[in-house]
Amino acid sequence: AGSQGRHYYRYTVDPARNLLTLKNSNPNYAAETLQLTYTKAG
């Protein structure tokens, strides 16, 4: 709230598939969802 320049996403983790499901926290972008796999490369 009261900030611009960044988009904020709440996410859930599926550790079995290394999957992050991101949902935009801003109610102005309530339908925005990203699904991203993550790899920790060291």
PDB file of all heavy atoms in Angstrom:
ATOM      1  N   ALA A   1       0.840  -1.205   0.000  1.00  0.00           N
ATOM      2  CA  ALA A   1       0.000   0.000   0.000  1.00  0.00           C
ATOM      3  C   ALA A   1       0.872   1.251   0.000  1.00  0.00           C
ATOM      4  O   ALA A   1       1.884   1.328   0.688  1.00  0.00           O
ATOM      5  CB  ALA A   1      -0.915   0.004   1.222  1.00  0.00           C
ATOM      6  N   GLY A   2       0.483   2.218  -0.800  1.00  0.00           N
ATOM      7  CA  GLY A   2       1.208   3.487  -0.840  1.00  0.00           C
ATOM      8  C   GLY A   2       2.551   3.415  -1.531  1.00  0.00           C
ATOM      9  O   GLY A   2       3.384   4.301  -1.342  1.00  0.00           O
ATOM     10  N   SER A   3       2.791   2.365  -2.340  1.00  0.00           N
ATOM     11  CA  SER A   3       4.083   2.216  -3.024  1.00  0.00           C
ATOM     12  C   SER A   3       3.874   1.870  -4.486  1.00  0.00           C
ATOM     13  O   SER A   3       2.934   1.171  -4.848  1.00  0.00           O
ATOM     14  CB  SER A   3       4.922   1.114  -2.365  1.00  0.00           C
ATOM     15  OG  SER A   3       5.234   1.443  -1.022  1.00  0.00           O
ATOM     16  N   GLN A   4       4.784   2.364  -5.318  1.00  0.00           N
ATOM     17  CA  GLN A   4       4.812   1.972  -6.716  1.00  0.00           C
ATOM     18  C   GLN A   4       6.241   1.545  -7.048  1.00  0.00           C
ATOM     19  O   GLN A   4       7.124   1.568  -6.200  1.00  0.00           O
ATOM     20  CB  GLN A   4       4.362   3.108  -7.618  1.00  0.00           C
ATOM     21  CG  GLN A   4       5.229   4.355  -7.546  1.00  0.00           C
ATOM     22  CD  GLN A   4       4.707   5.461  -8.444  1.00  0.00           C
ATOM     23  OE1 GLN A   4       3.742   5.307  -9.170  1.00  0.00           O
ATOM     24  NE2 GLN A   4       5.369   6.615  -8.393  1.00  0.00           N
ATOM     25  N   GLY A   5       6.466   1.112  -8.285  1.00  0.00           N
ATOM     26  CA  GLY A   5       7.799   0.682  -8.688  1.00  0.00           C
ATOM     27  C   GLY A   5       8.025  -0.810  -8.546  1.00  0.00           C
ATOM     28  O   GLY A   5       8.938  -1.362  -9.160  1.00  0.00           O
ATOM     29  N   ARG A   6       7.202  -1.476  -7.720  1.00  0.00           N
ATOM     30  CA  ARG A   6       7.328  -2.917  -7.542  1.00  0.00           C
ATOM     31  C   ARG A   6       5.933  -3.545  -7.611  1.00  0.00           C
ATOM     32  O   ARG A   6       4.950  -2.949  -7.165  1.00  0.00           O
ATOM     33  CB  ARG A   6       7.967  -3.284  -6.192  1.00  0.00           C
ATOM     34  CG  ARG A   6       9.237  -2.563  -5.864  1.00  0.00           C
ATOM     35  CD  ARG A   6       9.902  -3.148  -4.621  1.00  0.00           C
ATOM     36  NE  ARG A   6      10.541  -4.407  -4.940  1.00  0.00           N
ATOM     37  CZ  ARG A   6      11.800  -4.519  -5.369  1.00  0.00           C
ATOM     38  NH1 ARG A   6      12.549  -3.457  -5.519  1.00  0.00           N
ATOM     39  NH2 ARG A   6      12.317  -5.697  -5.641  1.00  0.00           N
ATOM     40  N   HIS A   7       5.873  -4.763  -8.132  1.00  0.00           N
ATOM     41  CA  HIS A   7       4.649  -5.557  -8.078  1.00  0.00           C
ATOM     42  C   HIS A   7       4.856  -6.668  -7.049  1.00  0.00           C
ATOM     43  O   HIS A   7       5.890  -7.341  -7.043  1.00  0.00           O
ATOM     44  CB  HIS A   7       4.313  -6.156  -9.453  1.00  0.00           C
ATOM     45  CG  HIS A   7       3.735  -5.158 -10.411  1.00  0.00           C
ATOM     46  ND1 HIS A   7       2.382  -4.944 -10.527  1.00  0.00           N
ATOM     47  CD2 HIS A   7       4.334  -4.300 -11.266  1.00  0.00           C
ATOM     48  CE1 HIS A   7       2.162  -4.006 -11.428  1.00  0.00           C
ATOM     49  NE2 HIS A   7       3.339  -3.591 -11.897  1.00  0.00           N
ATOM     50  N   TYR A   8       3.863  -6.821  -6.183  1.00  0.00           N
ATOM     51  CA  TYR A   8       3.952  -7.765  -5.070  1.00  0.00           C
ATOM     52  C   TYR A   8       3.087  -8.987  -5.355  1.00  0.00           C
ATOM     53  O   TYR A   8       1.934  -8.867  -5.769  1.00  0.00           O
ATOM     54  CB  TYR A   8       3.490  -7.099  -3.771  1.00  0.00           C
ATOM     55  CG  TYR A   8       4.468  -6.073  -3.239  1.00  0.00           C
ATOM     56  CD1 TYR A   8       4.557  -4.802  -3.800  1.00  0.00           C
ATOM     57  CD2 TYR A   8       5.295  -6.383  -2.165  1.00  0.00           C
ATOM     58  CE1 TYR A   8       5.452  -3.866  -3.318  1.00  0.00           C
ATOM     59  CE2 TYR A   8       6.196  -5.451  -1.666  1.00  0.00           C
ATOM     60  CZ  TYR A   8       6.268  -4.192  -2.249  1.00  0.00           C
ATOM     61  OH  TYR A   8       7.165  -3.274  -1.764  1.00  0.00           O
ATOM     62  N   TYR A   9       3.659 -10.168  -5.085  1.00  0.00           N
ATOM     63  CA  TYR A   9       2.960 -11.429  -5.325  1.00  0.00           C
ATOM     64  C   TYR A   9       3.049 -12.302  -4.074  1.00  0.00           C
ATOM     65  O   TYR A   9       4.116 -12.445  -3.477  1.00  0.00           O
ATOM     66  CB  TYR A   9       3.596 -12.199  -6.495  1.00  0.00           C
ATOM     67  CG  TYR A   9       3.577 -11.465  -7.807  1.00  0.00           C
ATOM     68  CD1 TYR A   9       4.575 -10.534  -8.114  1.00  0.00           C
ATOM     69  CD2 TYR A   9       2.572 -11.692  -8.732  1.00  0.00           C
ATOM     70  CE1 TYR A   9       4.566  -9.866  -9.322  1.00  0.00           C
ATOM     71  CE2 TYR A   9       2.556 -11.020  -9.950  1.00  0.00           C
ATOM     72  CZ  TYR A   9       3.557 -10.104 -10.233  1.00  0.00           C
ATOM     73  OH  TYR A   9       3.541  -9.436 -11.423  1.00  0.00           O
ATOM     74  N   ARG A  10       1.928 -12.864  -3.665  1.00  0.00           N
ATOM     75  CA  ARG A  10       1.934 -13.928  -2.665  1.00  0.00           C
ATOM     76  C   ARG A  10       2.067 -15.246  -3.415  1.00  0.00           C
ATOM     77  O   ARG A  10       1.464 -15.418  -4.485  1.00  0.00           O
ATOM     78  CB  ARG A  10       0.639 -13.912  -1.855  1.00  0.00           C
ATOM     79  CG  ARG A  10       0.368 -12.591  -1.153  1.00  0.00           C
ATOM     80  CD  ARG A  10       1.054 -12.496   0.199  1.00  0.00           C
ATOM     81  NE  ARG A  10       1.094 -11.112   0.655  1.00  0.00           N
ATOM     82  CZ  ARG A  10       0.058 -10.433   1.127  1.00  0.00           C
ATOM     83  NH1 ARG A  10      -1.112 -11.038   1.203  1.00  0.00           N
ATOM     84  NH2 ARG A  10       0.180  -9.186   1.507  1.00  0.00           N
ATOM     85  N   TYR A  11       2.822 -16.161  -2.857  1.00  0.00           N
ATOM     86  CA  TYR A  11       3.062 -17.394  -3.590  1.00  0.00           C
ATOM     87  C   TYR A  11       2.902 -18.616  -2.704  1.00  0.00           C
ATOM     88  O   TYR A  11       3.031 -18.558  -1.481  1.00  0.00           O
ATOM     89  CB  TYR A  11       4.451 -17.379  -4.233  1.00  0.00           C
ATOM     90  CG  TYR A  11       5.619 -17.388  -3.275  1.00  0.00           C
ATOM     91  CD1 TYR A  11       6.189 -18.589  -2.837  1.00  0.00           C
ATOM     92  CD2 TYR A  11       6.177 -16.196  -2.824  1.00  0.00           C
ATOM     93  CE1 TYR A  11       7.274 -18.596  -1.973  1.00  0.00           C
ATOM     94  CE2 TYR A  11       7.254 -16.194  -1.963  1.00  0.00           C
ATOM     95  CZ  TYR A  11       7.810 -17.398  -1.542  1.00  0.00           C
ATOM     96  OH  TYR A  11       8.874 -17.399  -0.680  1.00  0.00           O
ATOM     97  N   THR A  12       2.624 -19.729  -3.362  1.00  0.00           N
ATOM     98  CA  THR A  12       2.606 -21.037  -2.714  1.00  0.00           C
ATOM     99  C   THR A  12       3.704 -21.881  -3.340  1.00  0.00           C
ATOM    100  O   THR A  12       4.092 -21.680  -4.504  1.00  0.00           O
ATOM    101  CB  THR A  12       1.247 -21.729  -2.887  1.00  0.00           C
ATOM    102  OG1 THR A  12       0.965 -21.858  -4.288  1.00  0.00           O
ATOM    103  CG2 THR A  12       0.136 -20.947  -2.204  1.00  0.00           C
ATOM    104  N   VAL A  13       4.207 -22.822  -2.562  1.00  0.00           N
ATOM    105  CA  VAL A  13       5.332 -23.654  -3.001  1.00  0.00           C
ATOM    106  C   VAL A  13       4.875 -25.103  -3.114  1.00  0.00           C
ATOM    107  O   VAL A  13       4.257 -25.643  -2.188  1.00  0.00           O
ATOM    108  CB  VAL A  13       6.515 -23.558  -2.013  1.00  0.00           C
ATOM    109  CG1 VAL A  13       7.692 -24.390  -2.519  1.00  0.00           C
ATOM    110  CG2 VAL A  13       6.916 -22.109  -1.786  1.00  0.00           C
ATOM    111  N   ASP A  14       5.190 -25.691  -4.241  1.00  0.00           N
ATOM    112  CA  ASP A  14       5.006 -27.140  -4.425  1.00  0.00           C
ATOM    113  C   ASP A  14       6.405 -27.752  -4.476  1.00  0.00           C
ATOM    114  O   ASP A  14       7.034 -27.797  -5.546  1.00  0.00           O
ATOM    115  CB  ASP A  14       4.240 -27.429  -5.709  1.00  0.00           C
ATOM    116  CG  ASP A  14       3.969 -28.926  -5.918  1.00  0.00           C
ATOM    117  OD1 ASP A  14       4.542 -29.739  -5.159  1.00  0.00           O
ATOM    118  OD2 ASP A  14       3.203 -29.263  -6.833  1.00  0.00           O
ATOM    119  N   PRO A  15       6.948 -28.203  -3.335  1.00  0.00           N
ATOM    120  CA  PRO A  15       8.337 -28.673  -3.316  1.00  0.00           C
ATOM    121  C   PRO A  15       8.564 -29.923  -4.156  1.00  0.00           C
ATOM    122  O   PRO A  15       9.681 -30.160  -4.629  1.00  0.00           O
ATOM    123  CB  PRO A  15       8.595 -28.940  -1.828  1.00  0.00           C
ATOM    124  CG  PRO A  15       7.254 -29.123  -1.224  1.00  0.00           C
ATOM    125  CD  PRO A  15       6.319 -28.280  -2.020  1.00  0.00           C
ATOM    126  N   ALA A  16       7.512 -30.717  -4.358  1.00  0.00           N
ATOM    127  CA  ALA A  16       7.674 -31.937  -5.143  1.00  0.00           C
ATOM    128  C   ALA A  16       7.999 -31.617  -6.597  1.00  0.00           C
ATOM    129  O   ALA A  16       8.778 -32.331  -7.250  1.00  0.00           O
ATOM    130  CB  ALA A  16       6.414 -32.786  -5.051  1.00  0.00           C
ATOM    131  N   ARG A  17       7.415 -30.523  -7.113  1.00  0.00           N
ATOM    132  CA  ARG A  17       7.649 -30.149  -8.510  1.00  0.00           C
ATOM    133  C   ARG A  17       8.507 -28.897  -8.645  1.00  0.00           C
ATOM    134  O   ARG A  17       8.691 -28.385  -9.752  1.00  0.00           O
ATOM    135  CB  ARG A  17       6.305 -29.924  -9.210  1.00  0.00           C
ATOM    136  CG  ARG A  17       5.439 -31.159  -9.308  1.00  0.00           C
ATOM    137  CD  ARG A  17       4.241 -30.900 -10.216  1.00  0.00           C
ATOM    138  NE  ARG A  17       3.323 -29.890  -9.655  1.00  0.00           N
ATOM    139  CZ  ARG A  17       2.380 -29.274 -10.377  1.00  0.00           C
ATOM    140  NH1 ARG A  17       2.247 -29.560 -11.668  1.00  0.00           N
ATOM    141  NH2 ARG A  17       1.582 -28.409  -9.792  1.00  0.00           N
ATOM    142  N   ASN A  18       9.039 -28.410  -7.481  1.00  0.00           N
ATOM    143  CA  ASN A  18       9.813 -27.166  -7.497  1.00  0.00           C
ATOM    144  C   ASN A  18       9.037 -26.054  -8.210  1.00  0.00           C
ATOM    145  O   ASN A  18       9.566 -25.322  -9.058  1.00  0.00           O
ATOM    146  CB  ASN A  18      11.167 -27.361  -8.176  1.00  0.00           C
ATOM    147  CG  ASN A  18      12.175 -28.024  -7.261  1.00  0.00           C
ATOM    148  OD1 ASN A  18      11.809 -28.515  -6.185  1.00  0.00           O
ATOM    149  ND2 ASN A  18      13.427 -28.054  -7.669  1.00  0.00           N
ATOM    150  N   LEU A  19       7.752 -25.938  -7.827  1.00  0.00           N
ATOM    151  CA  LEU A  19       6.852 -25.015  -8.520  1.00  0.00           C
ATOM    152  C   LEU A  19       6.388 -23.913  -7.578  1.00  0.00           C
ATOM    153  O   LEU A  19       5.956 -24.160  -6.446  1.00  0.00           O
ATOM    154  CB  LEU A  19       5.639 -25.769  -9.063  1.00  0.00           C
ATOM    155  CG  LEU A  19       4.596 -24.924  -9.809  1.00  0.00           C
ATOM    156  CD1 LEU A  19       5.183 -24.361 -11.101  1.00  0.00           C
ATOM    157  CD2 LEU A  19       3.351 -25.762 -10.095  1.00  0.00           C
ATOM    158  N   LEU A  20       6.485 -22.673  -8.055  1.00  0.00           N
ATOM    159  CA  LEU A  20       5.946 -21.506  -7.348  1.00  0.00           C
ATOM    160  C   LEU A  20       4.734 -21.004  -8.117  1.00  0.00           C
ATOM    161  O   LEU A  20       4.812 -20.777  -9.333  1.00  0.00           O
ATOM    162  CB  LEU A  20       6.987 -20.385  -7.255  1.00  0.00           C
ATOM    163  CG  LEU A  20       8.320 -20.685  -6.579  1.00  0.00           C
ATOM    164  CD1 LEU A  20       9.216 -19.458  -6.631  1.00  0.00           C
ATOM    165  CD2 LEU A  20       8.110 -21.128  -5.141  1.00  0.00           C
ATOM    166  N   THR A  21       3.622 -20.817  -7.405  1.00  0.00           N
ATOM    167  CA  THR A  21       2.427 -20.213  -8.006  1.00  0.00           C
ATOM    168  C   THR A  21       2.261 -18.829  -7.398  1.00  0.00           C
ATOM    169  O   THR A  21       2.004 -18.697  -6.198  1.00  0.00           O
ATOM    170  CB  THR A  21       1.183 -21.074  -7.751  1.00  0.00           C
ATOM    171  OG1 THR A  21       1.383 -22.372  -8.307  1.00  0.00           O
ATOM    172  CG2 THR A  21      -0.040 -20.437  -8.394  1.00  0.00           C
ATOM    173  N   LEU A  22       2.446 -17.809  -8.217  1.00  0.00           N
ATOM    174  CA  LEU A  22       2.408 -16.424  -7.759  1.00  0.00           C
ATOM    175  C   LEU A  22       1.071 -15.784  -8.105  1.00  0.00           C
ATOM    176  O   LEU A  22       0.590 -15.915  -9.238  1.00  0.00           O
ATOM    177  CB  LEU A  22       3.528 -15.602  -8.406  1.00  0.00           C
ATOM    178  CG  LEU A  22       4.965 -15.761  -7.904  1.00  0.00           C
ATOM    179  CD1 LEU A  22       5.478 -17.170  -8.066  1.00  0.00           C
ATOM    180  CD2 LEU A  22       5.881 -14.754  -8.590  1.00  0.00           C
ATOM    181  N   LYS A  23       0.498 -15.081  -7.139  1.00  0.00           N
ATOM    182  CA  LYS A  23      -0.754 -14.348  -7.370  1.00  0.00           C
ATOM    183  C   LYS A  23      -0.537 -12.909  -6.934  1.00  0.00           C
ATOM    184  O   LYS A  23      -0.096 -12.648  -5.813  1.00  0.00           O
ATOM    185  CB  LYS A  23      -1.907 -14.973  -6.580  1.00  0.00           C
ATOM    186  CG  LYS A  23      -3.258 -14.318  -6.842  1.00  0.00           C
ATOM    187  CD  LYS A  23      -4.357 -15.054  -6.115  1.00  0.00           C
ATOM    188  CE  LYS A  23      -5.719 -14.392  -6.321  1.00  0.00           C
ATOM    189  NZ  LYS A  23      -6.089 -14.306  -7.751  1.00  0.00           N
ATOM    190  N   ASN A  24      -0.845 -11.980  -7.816  1.00  0.00           N
ATOM    191  CA  ASN A  24      -0.620 -10.564  -7.524  1.00  0.00           C
ATOM    192  C   ASN A  24      -1.440 -10.134  -6.303  1.00  0.00           C
ATOM    193  O   ASN A  24      -2.651 -10.355  -6.245  1.00  0.00           O
ATOM    194  CB  ASN A  24      -0.987  -9.701  -8.730  1.00  0.00           C
ATOM    195  CG  ASN A  24      -0.332  -8.333  -8.681  1.00  0.00           C
ATOM    196  OD1 ASN A  24      -0.342  -7.668  -7.658  1.00  0.00           O
ATOM    197  ND2 ASN A  24       0.243  -7.934  -9.816  1.00  0.00           N
ATOM    198  N   SER A  25      -0.768  -9.528  -5.315  1.00  0.00           N
ATOM    199  CA  SER A  25      -1.437  -9.129  -4.070  1.00  0.00           C
ATOM    200  C   SER A  25      -2.305  -7.896  -4.249  1.00  0.00           C
ATOM    201  O   SER A  25      -3.262  -7.690  -3.491  1.00  0.00           O
ATOM    202  CB  SER A  25      -0.385  -8.857  -2.986  1.00  0.00           C
ATOM    203  OG  SER A  25       0.438  -9.973  -2.786  1.00  0.00           O
ATOM    204  N   ASN A  26      -1.970  -7.071  -5.211  1.00  0.00           N
ATOM    205  CA  ASN A  26      -2.700  -5.832  -5.453  1.00  0.00           C
ATOM    206  C   ASN A  26      -4.089  -6.161  -5.992  1.00  0.00           C
ATOM    207  O   ASN A  26      -4.213  -6.815  -7.026  1.00  0.00           O
ATOM    208  CB  ASN A  26      -1.924  -4.981  -6.453  1.00  0.00           C
ATOM    209  CG  ASN A  26      -2.481  -3.592  -6.599  1.00  0.00           C
ATOM    210  OD1 ASN A  26      -3.684  -3.375  -6.526  1.00  0.00           O
ATOM    211  ND2 ASN A  26      -1.601  -2.625  -6.816  1.00  0.00           N
ATOM    212  N   PRO A  27      -5.156  -5.736  -5.308  1.00  0.00           N
ATOM    213  CA  PRO A  27      -6.509  -6.058  -5.790  1.00  0.00           C
ATOM    214  C   PRO A  27      -6.818  -5.490  -7.169  1.00  0.00           C
ATOM    215  O   PRO A  27      -7.747  -5.947  -7.836  1.00  0.00           O
ATOM    216  CB  PRO A  27      -7.426  -5.446  -4.718  1.00  0.00           C
ATOM    217  CG  PRO A  27      -6.584  -4.443  -4.004  1.00  0.00           C
ATOM    218  CD  PRO A  27      -5.190  -4.947  -4.060  1.00  0.00           C
ATOM    219  N   ASN A  28      -6.025  -4.511  -7.633  1.00  0.00           N
ATOM    220  CA  ASN A  28      -6.202  -3.989  -8.985  1.00  0.00           C
ATOM    221  C   ASN A  28      -5.719  -4.966 -10.055  1.00  0.00           C
ATOM    222  O   ASN A  28      -5.986  -4.774 -11.242  1.00  0.00           O
ATOM    223  CB  ASN A  28      -5.459  -2.662  -9.140  1.00  0.00           C
ATOM    224  CG  ASN A  28      -6.044  -1.563  -8.272  1.00  0.00           C
ATOM    225  OD1 ASN A  28      -7.255  -1.384  -8.223  1.00  0.00           O
ATOM    226  ND2 ASN A  28      -5.194  -0.843  -7.565  1.00  0.00           N
ATOM    227  N   TYR A  29      -4.983  -5.994  -9.630  1.00  0.00           N
ATOM    228  CA  TYR A  29      -4.485  -7.020 -10.553  1.00  0.00           C
ATOM    229  C   TYR A  29      -4.836  -8.406 -10.014  1.00  0.00           C
ATOM    230  O   TYR A  29      -4.029  -9.331 -10.053  1.00  0.00           O
ATOM    231  CB  TYR A  29      -2.965  -6.906 -10.725  1.00  0.00           C
ATOM    232  CG  TYR A  29      -2.496  -5.525 -11.113  1.00  0.00           C
ATOM    233  CD1 TYR A  29      -2.104  -4.603 -10.139  1.00  0.00           C
ATOM    234  CD2 TYR A  29      -2.457  -5.136 -12.451  1.00  0.00           C
ATOM    235  CE1 TYR A  29      -1.673  -3.333 -10.494  1.00  0.00           C
ATOM    236  CE2 TYR A  29      -2.026  -3.874 -12.815  1.00  0.00           C
ATOM    237  CZ  TYR A  29      -1.640  -2.964 -11.826  1.00  0.00           C
ATOM    238  OH  TYR A  29      -1.223  -1.705 -12.181  1.00  0.00           O
ATOM    239  N   ALA A  30      -6.036  -8.539  -9.507  1.00  0.00           N
ATOM    240  CA  ALA A  30      -6.429  -9.762  -8.804  1.00  0.00           C
ATOM    241  C   ALA A  30      -6.378 -10.999  -9.686  1.00  0.00           C
ATOM    242  O   ALA A  30      -6.172 -12.110  -9.194  1.00  0.00           O
ATOM    243  CB  ALA A  30      -7.836  -9.597  -8.220  1.00  0.00           C
ATOM    244  N   ALA A  31      -6.537 -10.846 -10.996  1.00  0.00           N
ATOM    245  CA  ALA A  31      -6.570 -12.008 -11.894  1.00  0.00           C
ATOM    246  C   ALA A  31      -5.181 -12.437 -12.360  1.00  0.00           C
ATOM    247  O   ALA A  31      -5.038 -13.434 -13.070  1.00  0.00           O
ATOM    248  CB  ALA A  31      -7.442 -11.703 -13.113  1.00  0.00           C
ATOM    249  N   GLU A  32      -4.156 -11.700 -11.958  1.00  0.00           N
ATOM    250  CA  GLU A  32      -2.812 -11.965 -12.473  1.00  0.00           C
ATOM    251  C   GLU A  32      -2.137 -13.104 -11.707  1.00  0.00           C
ATOM    252  O   GLU A  32      -1.920 -13.011 -10.491  1.00  0.00           O
ATOM    253  CB  GLU A  32      -1.973 -10.696 -12.378  1.00  0.00           C
ATOM    254  CG  GLU A  32      -0.580 -10.846 -12.973  1.00  0.00           C
ATOM    255  CD  GLU A  32       0.179  -9.535 -12.912  1.00  0.00           C
ATOM    256  OE1 GLU A  32      -0.424  -8.494 -13.245  1.00  0.00           O
ATOM    257  OE2 GLU A  32       1.362  -9.569 -12.530  1.00  0.00           O
ATOM    258  N   THR A  33      -1.781 -14.160 -12.409  1.00  0.00           N
ATOM    259  CA  THR A  33      -1.152 -15.336 -11.802  1.00  0.00           C
ATOM    260  C   THR A  33       0.029 -15.794 -12.659  1.00  0.00           C
ATOM    261  O   THR A  33      -0.064 -15.806 -13.894  1.00  0.00           O
ATOM    262  CB  THR A  33      -2.159 -16.488 -11.668  1.00  0.00           C
ATOM    263  OG1 THR A  33      -3.268 -16.056 -10.871  1.00  0.00           O
ATOM    264  CG2 THR A  33      -1.520 -17.692 -11.005  1.00  0.00           C
ATOM    265  N   LEU A  34       1.127 -16.160 -11.996  1.00  0.00           N
ATOM    266  CA  LEU A  34       2.293 -16.700 -12.674  1.00  0.00           C
ATOM    267  C   LEU A  34       2.603 -18.075 -12.095  1.00  0.00           C
ATOM    268  O   LEU A  34       2.465 -18.282 -10.879  1.00  0.00           O
ATOM    269  CB  LEU A  34       3.527 -15.806 -12.494  1.00  0.00           C
ATOM    270  CG  LEU A  34       3.576 -14.449 -13.218  1.00  0.00           C
ATOM    271  CD1 LEU A  34       2.693 -13.430 -12.523  1.00  0.00           C
ATOM    272  CD2 LEU A  34       5.024 -13.945 -13.269  1.00  0.00           C
ATOM    273  N   GLN A  35       3.041 -18.985 -12.943  1.00  0.00           N
ATOM    274  CA  GLN A  35       3.492 -20.300 -12.489  1.00  0.00           C
ATOM    275  C   GLN A  35       4.930 -20.492 -12.958  1.00  0.00           C
ATOM    276  O   GLN A  35       5.205 -20.505 -14.167  1.00  0.00           O
ATOM    277  CB  GLN A  35       2.594 -21.412 -13.033  1.00  0.00           C
ATOM    278  CG  GLN A  35       1.240 -21.483 -12.347  1.00  0.00           C
ATOM    279  CD  GLN A  35       0.497 -22.773 -12.640  1.00  0.00           C
ATOM    280  OE1 GLN A  35       0.573 -23.279 -13.752  1.00  0.00           O
ATOM    281  NE2 GLN A  35      -0.206 -23.292 -11.651  1.00  0.00           N
ATOM    282  N   LEU A  36       5.842 -20.610 -11.987  1.00  0.00           N
ATOM    283  CA  LEU A  36       7.265 -20.640 -12.282  1.00  0.00           C
ATOM    284  C   LEU A  36       7.930 -21.796 -11.535  1.00  0.00           C
ATOM    285  O   LEU A  36       7.699 -21.978 -10.335  1.00  0.00           O
ATOM    286  CB  LEU A  36       7.934 -19.327 -11.868  1.00  0.00           C
ATOM    287  CG  LEU A  36       7.333 -18.028 -12.434  1.00  0.00           C
ATOM    288  CD1 LEU A  36       7.968 -16.825 -11.755  1.00  0.00           C
ATOM    289  CD2 LEU A  36       7.510 -17.958 -13.942  1.00  0.00           C
ATOM    290  N   THR A  37       8.738 -22.548 -12.242  1.00  0.00           N
ATOM    291  CA  THR A  37       9.583 -23.535 -11.560  1.00  0.00           C
ATOM    292  C   THR A  37      10.840 -22.826 -11.073  1.00  0.00           C
ATOM    293  O   THR A  37      11.278 -21.819 -11.662  1.00  0.00           O
ATOM    294  CB  THR A  37       9.975 -24.674 -12.510  1.00  0.00           C
ATOM    295  OG1 THR A  37      10.689 -24.141 -13.623  1.00  0.00           O
ATOM    296  CG2 THR A  37       8.749 -25.425 -12.986  1.00  0.00           C
ATOM    297  N   TYR A  38      11.393 -23.309  -9.986  1.00  0.00           N
ATOM    298  CA  TYR A  38      12.603 -22.688  -9.438  1.00  0.00           C
ATOM    299  C   TYR A  38      13.708 -23.733  -9.330  1.00  0.00           C
ATOM    300  O   TYR A  38      13.484 -24.898  -9.045  1.00  0.00           O
ATOM    301  CB  TYR A  38      12.329 -22.064  -8.071  1.00  0.00           C
ATOM    302  CG  TYR A  38      11.960 -23.037  -6.971  1.00  0.00           C
ATOM    303  CD1 TYR A  38      12.936 -23.601  -6.135  1.00  0.00           C
ATOM    304  CD2 TYR A  38      10.641 -23.399  -6.768  1.00  0.00           C
ATOM    305  CE1 TYR A  38      12.594 -24.500  -5.134  1.00  0.00           C
ATOM    306  CE2 TYR A  38      10.280 -24.297  -5.763  1.00  0.00           C
ATOM    307  CZ  TYR A  38      11.257 -24.835  -4.947  1.00  0.00           C
ATOM    308  OH  TYR A  38      10.924 -25.729  -3.959  1.00  0.00           O
ATOM    309  N   THR A  39      14.919 -23.261  -9.606  1.00  0.00           N
ATOM    310  CA  THR A  39      16.112 -24.094  -9.491  1.00  0.00           C
ATOM    311  C   THR A  39      17.167 -23.311  -8.726  1.00  0.00           C
ATOM    312  O   THR A  39      17.517 -22.186  -9.136  1.00  0.00           O
ATOM    313  CB  THR A  39      16.665 -24.487 -10.871  1.00  0.00           C
ATOM    314  OG1 THR A  39      15.645 -25.144 -11.624  1.00  0.00           O
ATOM    315  CG2 THR A  39      17.874 -25.406 -10.732  1.00  0.00           C
ATOM    316  N   LYS A  40      17.647 -23.879  -7.623  1.00  0.00           N
ATOM    317  CA  LYS A  40      18.724 -23.239  -6.870  1.00  0.00           C
ATOM    318  C   LYS A  40      20.049 -23.715  -7.450  1.00  0.00           C
ATOM    319  O   LYS A  40      20.444 -24.873  -7.281  1.00  0.00           O
ATOM    320  CB  LYS A  40      18.608 -23.584  -5.392  1.00  0.00           C
ATOM    321  CG  LYS A  40      17.367 -22.990  -4.733  1.00  0.00           C
ATOM    322  CD  LYS A  40      17.334 -23.264  -3.233  1.00  0.00           C
ATOM    323  CE  LYS A  40      16.121 -22.604  -2.587  1.00  0.00           C
ATOM    324  NZ  LYS A  40      16.065 -22.850  -1.119  1.00  0.00           N
ATOM    325  N   ALA A  41      20.744 -22.820  -8.152  1.00  0.00           N
ATOM    326  CA  ALA A  41      21.942 -23.185  -8.904  1.00  0.00           C
ATOM    327  C   ALA A  41      23.222 -23.034  -8.104  1.00  0.00           C
ATOM    328  O   ALA A  41      24.309 -23.262  -8.636  1.00  0.00           O
ATOM    329  CB  ALA A  41      22.018 -22.334 -10.170  1.00  0.00           C
ATOM    330  N   GLY A  42      23.148 -22.665  -6.848  1.00  0.00           N
ATOM    331  CA  GLY A  42      24.338 -22.470  -6.039  1.00  0.00           C
ATOM    332  C   GLY A  42      24.830 -21.042  -6.092  1.00  0.00           C
ATOM    333  O   GLY A  42      24.497 -20.262  -7.007  1.00  0.00           O
TER     334      GLY A  42
END
